[in-house]
Amino acid sequence: MNSNRLAALLITGLLIAAQRVATAAAALPVVIDAPLQVAIPVAPMLFRANGAAHLAYEIEITNVSESGWTLRQLDVRDEKGINRLSVASDKVAELLWHKGGPRRSEHPPSVVVAPGESVIAYLWVDLDGKSAAPTQLRHHFSVQREGEAPRVIDAPTTVVRGSAREISSPLRGTDWVAANGPANSSQHRRGYFVIGGTAYIGQRFAIDWVRIGADSRTFHGDGKDNRSYLCYGAEVLAVADGVVSEIKDGIQENVPQQPPAVPITLETVAGNHINLDLGGGVFAMYAHLQPGSLRVKVGDRVQRGQVIALLGNTGNSTEPHLHFQLMDRNSPLASEGVPYVLPQFTVTKQIRGSLGESITIEPLPAPQKHRGELPLDMQLVNLN
């Protein structure tokens, strides 16, 4: 057999094999090469909310070819082959953010990764509890270049099995809304900042705590007076024993719903704030505090439940609220957000929509007591 005919047969055989792989991929993904670089920068960590375990993490996909690639269906399976998440082709766009593109849009972003472009897929996996929590995950993305059969790329990761840190609540009382709270599409969840050449999502599990009244409003009276807001001046509490690792004070308060009183920079974005070192590489941050209300200084040791400041409206804030998060470094933005749980709290209602805009309040059949869980986005809760 001459070499030309042998080469032709080999090429034909490879094309047939590729077609068979593509046909089988829908049933049982087979990993084959595509010029897409895939990475999971931060391993997912288990946490509990709404009576179940969850994972929230990101996949970065970079196109290193000269052609556009379309992202199709995503399947997430554990080390036993159990399917933990399936995202159909018409839903993949909802997970994506194209780096450098608009942060929020009325329309889902394109599912095409252009040459040289990088996108982030934000994942939120709800675990059903019928089987043991996974230790490993594999992510099979079906991808396709125009004119070619689909291929499958893979992204493996290890699941961090240690329990999320249990802390006490940073506030007390009733009718607190977990605004911009943990959810796959919340503003904090999609926060992505490059600091010193490294990308971080420090607000991955952050909450903006605000209070509402029976009329579903956050203030009564003059909406441009901080003192009209129901949460203004609330006592802010240490969530655990720890050491004060960073403070900022002296930033002027904002007028509600007006531009910030000071230019927003890395130094002022959190407003007056306190960071606590809780040990074990975990830090708590309290942002937008009242000027002059901080009752601690760097190096002070605090005890769980101790009043450390008063809630205010400073920095990148449109109205009085407490921004709270746990993170793995002593920095509001140059850190990775880590999950946590509260000993107990009660959910009284679920709010749909955004505060300050049109919202719908969904009453529950009865108040729901939660123990050892994390409040989720727009839940109305009583904090113990």
Protein backbone atom coordinates (compact mmCIF):
# COMPACT_ATOMS: atom_id res chain seq x y z
CA MET A 1 0.00 0.00 0.00
CA ASN A 2 1.45 3.39 -0.95
CA SER A 3 2.02 6.07 1.64
CA ASN A 4 -0.58 8.46 0.17
CA ARG A 5 -3.36 5.86 0.38
CA LEU A 6 -2.26 4.93 3.92
CA ALA A 7 -2.42 8.58 4.97
CA ALA A 8 -5.86 8.96 3.41
CA LEU A 9 -7.16 5.91 5.27
CA LEU A 10 -5.72 7.18 8.56
CA ILE A 11 -7.36 10.56 8.10
CA THR A 12 -10.69 8.95 7.21
CA GLY A 13 -10.44 6.72 10.26
CA LEU A 14 -9.73 9.67 12.55
CA LEU A 15 -12.70 11.60 11.16
CA ILE A 16 -15.02 8.63 11.70
CA ALA A 17 -13.67 8.19 15.24
CA ALA A 18 -14.18 11.88 15.98
CA GLN A 19 -17.75 11.69 14.75
CA ARG A 20 -18.41 8.65 16.94
CA VAL A 21 -16.90 10.44 19.95
CA ALA A 22 -19.09 13.47 19.27
CA THR A 23 -22.20 11.28 18.98
CA ALA A 24 -21.38 9.49 22.24
CA ALA A 25 -20.49 12.67 24.08
CA ALA A 26 -24.10 13.50 24.90
CA ALA A 27 -24.55 10.20 26.72
CA LEU A 28 -21.09 9.70 28.20
CA PRO A 29 -18.66 12.60 27.78
CA VAL A 30 -15.28 11.64 26.39
CA VAL A 31 -12.53 14.18 26.95
CA ILE A 32 -10.74 15.19 23.75
CA ASP A 33 -8.48 18.12 23.00
CA ALA A 34 -9.71 21.61 22.16
CA PRO A 35 -7.59 24.77 22.25
CA LEU A 36 -9.36 26.05 25.36
CA GLN A 37 -7.48 26.53 28.60
CA VAL A 38 -9.63 25.59 31.59
CA ALA A 39 -8.93 26.31 35.26
CA ILE A 40 -10.75 26.32 38.60
CA PRO A 41 -8.76 28.90 40.58
CA VAL A 42 -10.39 28.30 43.98
CA ALA A 43 -11.51 24.83 45.07
CA PRO A 44 -15.16 24.73 46.16
CA MET A 45 -15.95 24.48 49.87
CA LEU A 46 -19.07 22.85 51.26
CA PHE A 47 -21.57 24.95 53.19
CA ARG A 48 -25.18 24.50 54.30
CA ALA A 49 -28.17 26.71 53.54
CA ASN A 50 -31.93 26.10 53.26
CA GLY A 51 -31.59 22.61 54.67
CA ALA A 52 -29.06 21.33 52.12
CA ALA A 53 -25.36 21.43 51.25
CA HIS A 54 -24.11 23.66 48.44
CA LEU A 55 -20.98 24.57 46.48
CA ALA A 56 -20.22 27.95 44.88
CA TYR A 57 -17.12 28.38 42.71
CA GLU A 58 -15.89 29.44 39.27
CA ILE A 59 -14.42 27.98 36.08
CA GLU A 60 -12.19 30.15 33.87
CA ILE A 61 -12.12 29.29 30.16
CA THR A 62 -9.60 30.97 27.83
CA ASN A 63 -9.61 30.54 24.06
CA VAL A 64 -6.02 30.29 22.81
CA SER A 65 -6.99 29.57 19.20
CA GLU A 66 -7.75 31.80 16.21
CA SER A 67 -11.37 30.64 15.99
CA GLY A 68 -14.44 31.24 18.14
CA TRP A 69 -15.75 28.37 20.27
CA THR A 70 -19.35 28.00 21.41
CA LEU A 71 -20.00 26.69 24.91
CA ARG A 72 -22.77 24.11 24.96
CA GLN A 73 -24.13 21.89 27.71
CA LEU A 74 -22.29 21.51 31.02
CA ASP A 75 -22.40 18.38 33.19
CA VAL A 76 -20.83 18.16 36.65
CA ARG A 77 -20.17 14.66 38.01
CA ASP A 78 -18.53 13.44 41.18
CA GLU A 79 -15.89 10.77 41.67
CA LYS A 80 -18.56 8.05 41.59
CA GLY A 81 -20.02 9.27 38.32
CA ILE A 82 -23.13 10.73 40.00
CA ASN A 83 -24.44 13.73 38.10
CA ARG A 84 -24.49 16.75 40.43
CA LEU A 85 -25.45 19.47 37.95
CA SER A 86 -26.58 19.69 34.33
CA VAL A 87 -26.89 23.00 32.52
CA ALA A 88 -28.62 22.85 29.14
CA SER A 89 -27.32 24.79 26.15
CA ASP A 90 -30.02 27.45 26.46
CA LYS A 91 -29.06 28.10 30.11
CA VAL A 92 -25.25 28.19 29.85
CA ALA A 93 -25.20 31.93 29.04
CA GLU A 94 -26.69 32.70 32.47
CA LEU A 95 -23.51 31.39 34.11
CA LEU A 96 -21.07 33.45 32.08
CA TRP A 97 -19.20 36.72 32.34
CA HIS A 98 -16.84 37.77 29.57
CA LYS A 99 -13.81 39.39 31.17
CA GLY A 100 -13.80 43.07 30.35
CA GLY A 101 -17.48 42.98 29.41
CA PRO A 102 -20.41 44.61 31.22
CA ARG A 103 -20.95 43.32 34.75
CA ARG A 104 -24.74 43.31 34.55
CA SER A 105 -26.93 43.21 31.48
CA GLU A 106 -30.59 42.72 30.63
CA HIS A 107 -29.54 40.09 28.12
CA PRO A 108 -27.43 36.99 28.85
CA PRO A 109 -23.89 37.21 27.45
CA SER A 110 -22.80 35.39 24.33
CA VAL A 111 -21.94 31.71 24.63
CA VAL A 112 -19.16 32.19 22.06
CA VAL A 113 -15.63 32.55 23.42
CA ALA A 114 -13.80 34.70 20.87
CA PRO A 115 -10.14 34.16 19.91
CA GLY A 116 -7.92 35.28 22.79
CA GLU A 117 -10.92 35.87 25.06
CA SER A 118 -11.44 34.60 28.59
CA VAL A 119 -14.78 33.96 30.28
CA ILE A 120 -15.83 32.94 33.77
CA ALA A 121 -18.57 30.42 34.43
CA TYR A 122 -20.11 30.97 37.87
CA LEU A 123 -21.30 27.65 39.30
CA TRP A 124 -23.70 26.96 42.14
CA VAL A 125 -24.26 23.28 42.87
CA ASP A 126 -27.12 22.15 45.13
CA LEU A 127 -26.41 18.75 46.66
CA ASP A 128 -29.49 16.61 47.18
CA GLY A 129 -28.32 14.88 50.36
CA LYS A 130 -29.28 11.44 49.07
CA SER A 131 -25.63 10.49 48.66
CA ALA A 132 -22.42 11.40 50.44
CA ALA A 133 -20.94 14.80 49.67
CA PRO A 134 -18.42 14.57 46.81
CA THR A 135 -14.67 14.77 47.27
CA GLN A 136 -13.90 15.28 43.56
CA LEU A 137 -15.80 16.92 40.71
CA ARG A 138 -15.35 16.75 36.95
CA HIS A 139 -16.85 19.32 34.62
CA HIS A 140 -17.63 18.27 31.08
CA PHE A 141 -18.26 21.26 28.83
CA SER A 142 -19.53 20.48 25.36
CA VAL A 143 -17.83 22.97 23.01
CA GLN A 144 -18.08 23.48 19.28
CA ARG A 145 -16.19 25.32 16.59
CA GLU A 146 -18.21 26.42 13.56
CA GLY A 147 -18.42 23.73 10.93
CA GLU A 148 -17.12 21.00 13.23
CA ALA A 149 -18.60 18.32 15.46
CA PRO A 150 -18.88 19.12 19.20
CA ARG A 151 -16.00 18.26 21.48
CA VAL A 152 -15.80 17.89 25.26
CA ILE A 153 -13.36 19.65 27.58
CA ASP A 154 -12.81 18.69 31.18
CA ALA A 155 -12.03 20.57 34.38
CA PRO A 156 -11.39 18.49 37.53
CA THR A 157 -11.29 19.87 41.05
CA THR A 158 -11.10 18.70 44.65
CA VAL A 159 -13.90 19.65 47.05
CA VAL A 160 -12.80 21.13 50.37
CA ARG A 161 -14.57 18.90 52.89
CA GLY A 162 -13.88 20.85 56.08
CA SER A 163 -16.95 22.41 57.63
CA ALA A 164 -17.57 26.09 56.97
CA ARG A 165 -16.63 28.27 59.96
CA GLU A 166 -19.45 28.76 62.46
CA ILE A 167 -19.69 32.34 63.70
CA SER A 168 -22.34 34.31 65.53
CA SER A 169 -24.39 37.01 63.84
CA PRO A 170 -22.82 40.47 63.29
CA LEU A 171 -26.18 42.04 64.24
CA ARG A 172 -29.18 41.28 66.42
CA GLY A 173 -32.90 41.83 66.10
CA THR A 174 -35.77 41.29 63.69
CA ASP A 175 -36.62 42.14 60.09
CA TRP A 176 -33.13 42.05 58.60
CA VAL A 177 -32.82 41.49 54.84
CA ALA A 178 -29.82 39.56 53.50
CA ALA A 179 -29.56 41.88 50.48
CA ASN A 180 -27.12 40.91 47.72
CA GLY A 181 -26.65 37.73 49.74
CA PRO A 182 -25.37 34.34 48.66
CA ALA A 183 -26.86 33.33 45.29
CA ASN A 184 -25.30 32.58 41.95
CA SER A 185 -26.49 35.80 40.31
CA SER A 186 -26.11 38.25 43.18
CA GLN A 187 -23.99 41.38 42.80
CA HIS A 188 -21.48 40.21 45.40
CA ARG A 189 -21.19 36.74 43.88
CA ARG A 190 -20.24 38.23 40.51
CA GLY A 191 -17.74 40.70 41.98
CA TYR A 192 -14.35 40.12 40.31
CA PHE A 193 -11.41 42.38 41.07
CA VAL A 194 -7.78 42.33 39.98
CA ILE A 195 -5.56 43.68 42.76
CA GLY A 196 -1.78 43.69 42.38
CA GLY A 197 -1.99 41.56 39.26
CA THR A 198 -4.09 38.80 40.88
CA ALA A 199 -7.83 38.25 40.47
CA TYR A 200 -10.04 37.77 43.55
CA ILE A 201 -13.70 37.33 44.48
CA GLY A 202 -13.58 38.48 48.09
CA GLN A 203 -17.34 39.04 48.26
CA ARG A 204 -18.32 35.52 47.15
CA PHE A 205 -20.52 35.02 50.27
CA ALA A 206 -20.98 38.63 51.40
CA ILE A 207 -24.26 40.08 52.65
CA ASP A 208 -25.53 43.67 52.77
CA TRP A 209 -27.67 43.71 55.91
CA VAL A 210 -30.54 46.22 55.84
CA ARG A 211 -33.74 46.48 57.83
CA ILE A 212 -37.27 46.94 56.48
CA GLY A 213 -40.54 47.95 58.08
CA ALA A 214 -44.07 46.64 57.71
CA ASP A 215 -44.41 48.78 54.56
CA SER A 216 -41.39 46.99 53.01
CA ARG A 217 -39.38 50.22 53.04
CA THR A 218 -35.95 50.68 54.56
CA PHE A 219 -36.68 54.17 55.92
CA HIS A 220 -39.48 56.33 57.29
CA GLY A 221 -39.52 60.07 56.73
CA ASP A 222 -36.79 61.93 54.87
CA GLY A 223 -35.06 59.47 52.51
CA LYS A 224 -31.97 61.71 52.35
CA ASP A 225 -31.40 61.64 56.11
CA ASN A 226 -29.37 58.64 57.35
CA ARG A 227 -31.23 58.78 60.65
CA SER A 228 -34.48 57.94 58.83
CA TYR A 229 -33.21 54.46 58.00
CA LEU A 230 -34.36 51.64 60.24
CA CYS A 231 -30.92 50.03 60.49
CA TYR A 232 -28.91 53.20 61.05
CA GLY A 233 -26.94 53.16 64.30
CA ALA A 234 -27.47 49.46 64.97
CA GLU A 235 -24.79 47.88 67.15
CA VAL A 236 -22.26 45.87 65.16
CA LEU A 237 -20.98 42.78 66.98
CA ALA A 238 -17.83 40.66 66.95
CA VAL A 239 -18.81 37.34 65.37
CA ALA A 240 -16.11 35.40 67.23
CA ASP A 241 -13.16 35.88 69.51
CA GLY A 242 -10.37 37.48 67.52
CA VAL A 243 -7.85 40.24 67.06
CA VAL A 244 -8.47 43.53 65.25
CA SER A 245 -6.23 43.38 62.19
CA GLU A 246 -7.30 46.52 60.30
CA ILE A 247 -9.44 49.60 60.83
CA LYS A 248 -10.39 52.66 58.85
CA ASP A 249 -12.15 55.66 60.40
CA GLY A 250 -12.77 59.30 59.58
CA ILE A 251 -14.49 58.87 56.21
CA GLN A 252 -17.44 61.25 55.88
CA GLU A 253 -20.93 59.79 55.71
CA ASN A 254 -22.82 59.73 52.44
CA VAL A 255 -26.19 61.34 51.78
CA PRO A 256 -28.53 58.41 50.95
CA GLN A 257 -29.17 57.83 47.25
CA GLN A 258 -26.59 60.48 46.32
CA PRO A 259 -23.02 60.11 44.97
CA PRO A 260 -20.44 59.08 47.60
CA ALA A 261 -19.09 61.84 49.83
CA VAL A 262 -15.50 60.89 48.90
CA PRO A 263 -13.91 59.51 45.71
CA ILE A 264 -14.09 55.71 45.69
CA THR A 265 -10.64 54.11 45.72
CA LEU A 266 -9.14 50.95 47.17
CA GLU A 267 -8.70 52.93 50.39
CA THR A 268 -12.28 54.21 50.62
CA VAL A 269 -14.43 51.54 48.92
CA ALA A 270 -15.29 49.82 52.22
CA GLY A 271 -15.76 53.14 54.00
CA ASN A 272 -15.02 53.10 57.69
CA HIS A 273 -14.44 49.44 58.42
CA ILE A 274 -13.04 46.84 60.79
CA ASN A 275 -11.25 43.58 59.96
CA LEU A 276 -10.97 40.85 62.58
CA ASP A 277 -8.44 38.03 62.47
CA LEU A 278 -10.43 34.98 63.57
CA GLY A 279 -7.46 32.62 63.33
CA GLY A 280 -6.81 29.77 60.96
CA GLY A 281 -6.37 32.12 58.01
CA VAL A 282 -9.93 33.50 58.22
CA PHE A 283 -10.79 37.20 58.55
CA ALA A 284 -14.11 38.99 59.07
CA MET A 285 -14.83 42.39 57.56
CA TYR A 286 -17.46 44.94 58.59
CA ALA A 287 -17.85 47.81 56.10
CA HIS A 288 -19.60 51.23 55.80
CA LEU A 289 -19.52 52.00 59.54
CA GLN A 290 -20.41 55.34 61.13
CA PRO A 291 -17.43 57.69 61.45
CA GLY A 292 -16.24 57.97 65.04
CA SER A 293 -18.23 54.93 66.16
CA LEU A 294 -15.39 52.38 66.06
CA ARG A 295 -14.70 51.14 69.58
CA VAL A 296 -11.55 49.15 68.85
CA LYS A 297 -8.06 49.69 67.48
CA VAL A 298 -5.58 47.46 65.66
CA GLY A 299 -4.22 44.78 67.98
CA ASP A 300 -7.20 44.77 70.34
CA ARG A 301 -8.56 41.37 71.33
CA VAL A 302 -12.34 41.13 71.06
CA GLN A 303 -14.82 38.61 72.37
CA ARG A 304 -17.78 37.09 70.57
CA GLY A 305 -20.81 39.38 70.90
CA GLN A 306 -18.79 42.47 71.83
CA VAL A 307 -20.03 45.77 70.35
CA ILE A 308 -17.27 47.05 68.07
CA ALA A 309 -18.97 49.87 66.06
CA LEU A 310 -22.26 51.29 64.81
CA LEU A 311 -23.86 50.71 61.42
CA GLY A 312 -23.53 53.66 59.02
CA ASN A 313 -23.32 54.80 55.40
CA THR A 314 -19.74 55.42 54.26
CA GLY A 315 -17.63 54.45 51.26
CA ASN A 316 -19.25 52.72 48.29
CA SER A 317 -22.73 52.75 49.80
CA THR A 318 -26.04 54.21 48.66
CA GLU A 319 -27.85 53.95 52.00
CA PRO A 320 -27.13 52.76 55.56
CA HIS A 321 -26.31 49.06 55.72
CA LEU A 322 -23.69 46.65 57.04
CA HIS A 323 -21.60 44.84 54.45
CA PHE A 324 -20.24 41.69 56.08
CA GLN A 325 -18.01 38.95 54.71
CA LEU A 326 -15.48 36.30 55.67
CA MET A 327 -12.28 36.10 53.62
CA ASP A 328 -8.94 34.32 53.52
CA ARG A 329 -6.73 37.43 53.69
CA ASN A 330 -6.69 40.70 55.61
CA SER A 331 -8.06 42.70 52.68
CA PRO A 332 -11.62 43.63 51.61
CA LEU A 333 -10.96 42.97 47.91
CA ALA A 334 -7.55 41.27 47.62
CA SER A 335 -8.89 38.06 49.16
CA GLU A 336 -11.09 35.09 48.42
CA GLY A 337 -14.48 34.98 50.07
CA VAL A 338 -15.11 31.91 52.22
CA PRO A 339 -18.49 30.55 53.41
CA TYR A 340 -19.65 30.49 57.00
CA VAL A 341 -22.71 29.46 58.98
CA LEU A 342 -24.65 30.95 61.90
CA PRO A 343 -25.68 28.94 64.97
CA GLN A 344 -29.32 29.87 64.44
CA PHE A 345 -31.63 32.36 62.75
CA THR A 346 -35.24 32.47 61.62
CA VAL A 347 -36.43 33.15 58.08
CA THR A 348 -39.82 34.87 58.09
CA LYS A 349 -40.28 35.81 54.42
CA GLN A 350 -38.62 35.61 51.00
CA ILE A 351 -38.21 38.81 49.01
CA ARG A 352 -38.09 38.81 45.21
CA GLY A 353 -36.55 41.74 43.38
CA SER A 354 -34.20 44.50 44.56
CA LEU A 355 -34.74 46.87 47.45
CA GLY A 356 -35.46 50.38 46.23
CA GLU A 357 -37.13 48.92 43.15
CA SER A 358 -40.21 46.79 42.64
CA ILE A 359 -40.21 43.90 45.10
CA THR A 360 -42.53 41.04 45.91
CA ILE A 361 -42.68 39.61 49.41
CA GLU A 362 -43.56 35.94 49.64
CA PRO A 363 -44.91 34.95 53.07
CA LEU A 364 -43.94 31.53 54.36
CA PRO A 365 -46.47 29.09 55.82
CA ALA A 366 -44.62 29.49 59.10
CA PRO A 367 -41.32 31.01 60.24
CA GLN A 368 -38.44 28.67 59.41
CA LYS A 369 -35.77 28.09 62.04
CA HIS A 370 -32.30 27.40 60.65
CA ARG A 371 -29.32 26.07 62.57
CA GLY A 372 -25.76 25.82 61.33
CA GLU A 373 -26.61 27.41 57.99
CA LEU A 374 -25.88 30.49 55.90
CA PRO A 375 -28.69 32.96 55.10
CA LEU A 376 -29.34 33.29 51.37
CA ASP A 377 -30.06 36.24 49.10
CA MET A 378 -33.06 38.40 50.00
CA GLN A 379 -34.28 36.27 52.87
CA LEU A 380 -35.98 38.29 55.60
CA VAL A 381 -34.58 37.00 58.88
CA ASN A 382 -34.58 37.47 62.61
CA LEU A 383 -31.03 37.34 63.95
CA ASN A 384 -30.27 35.92 67.38
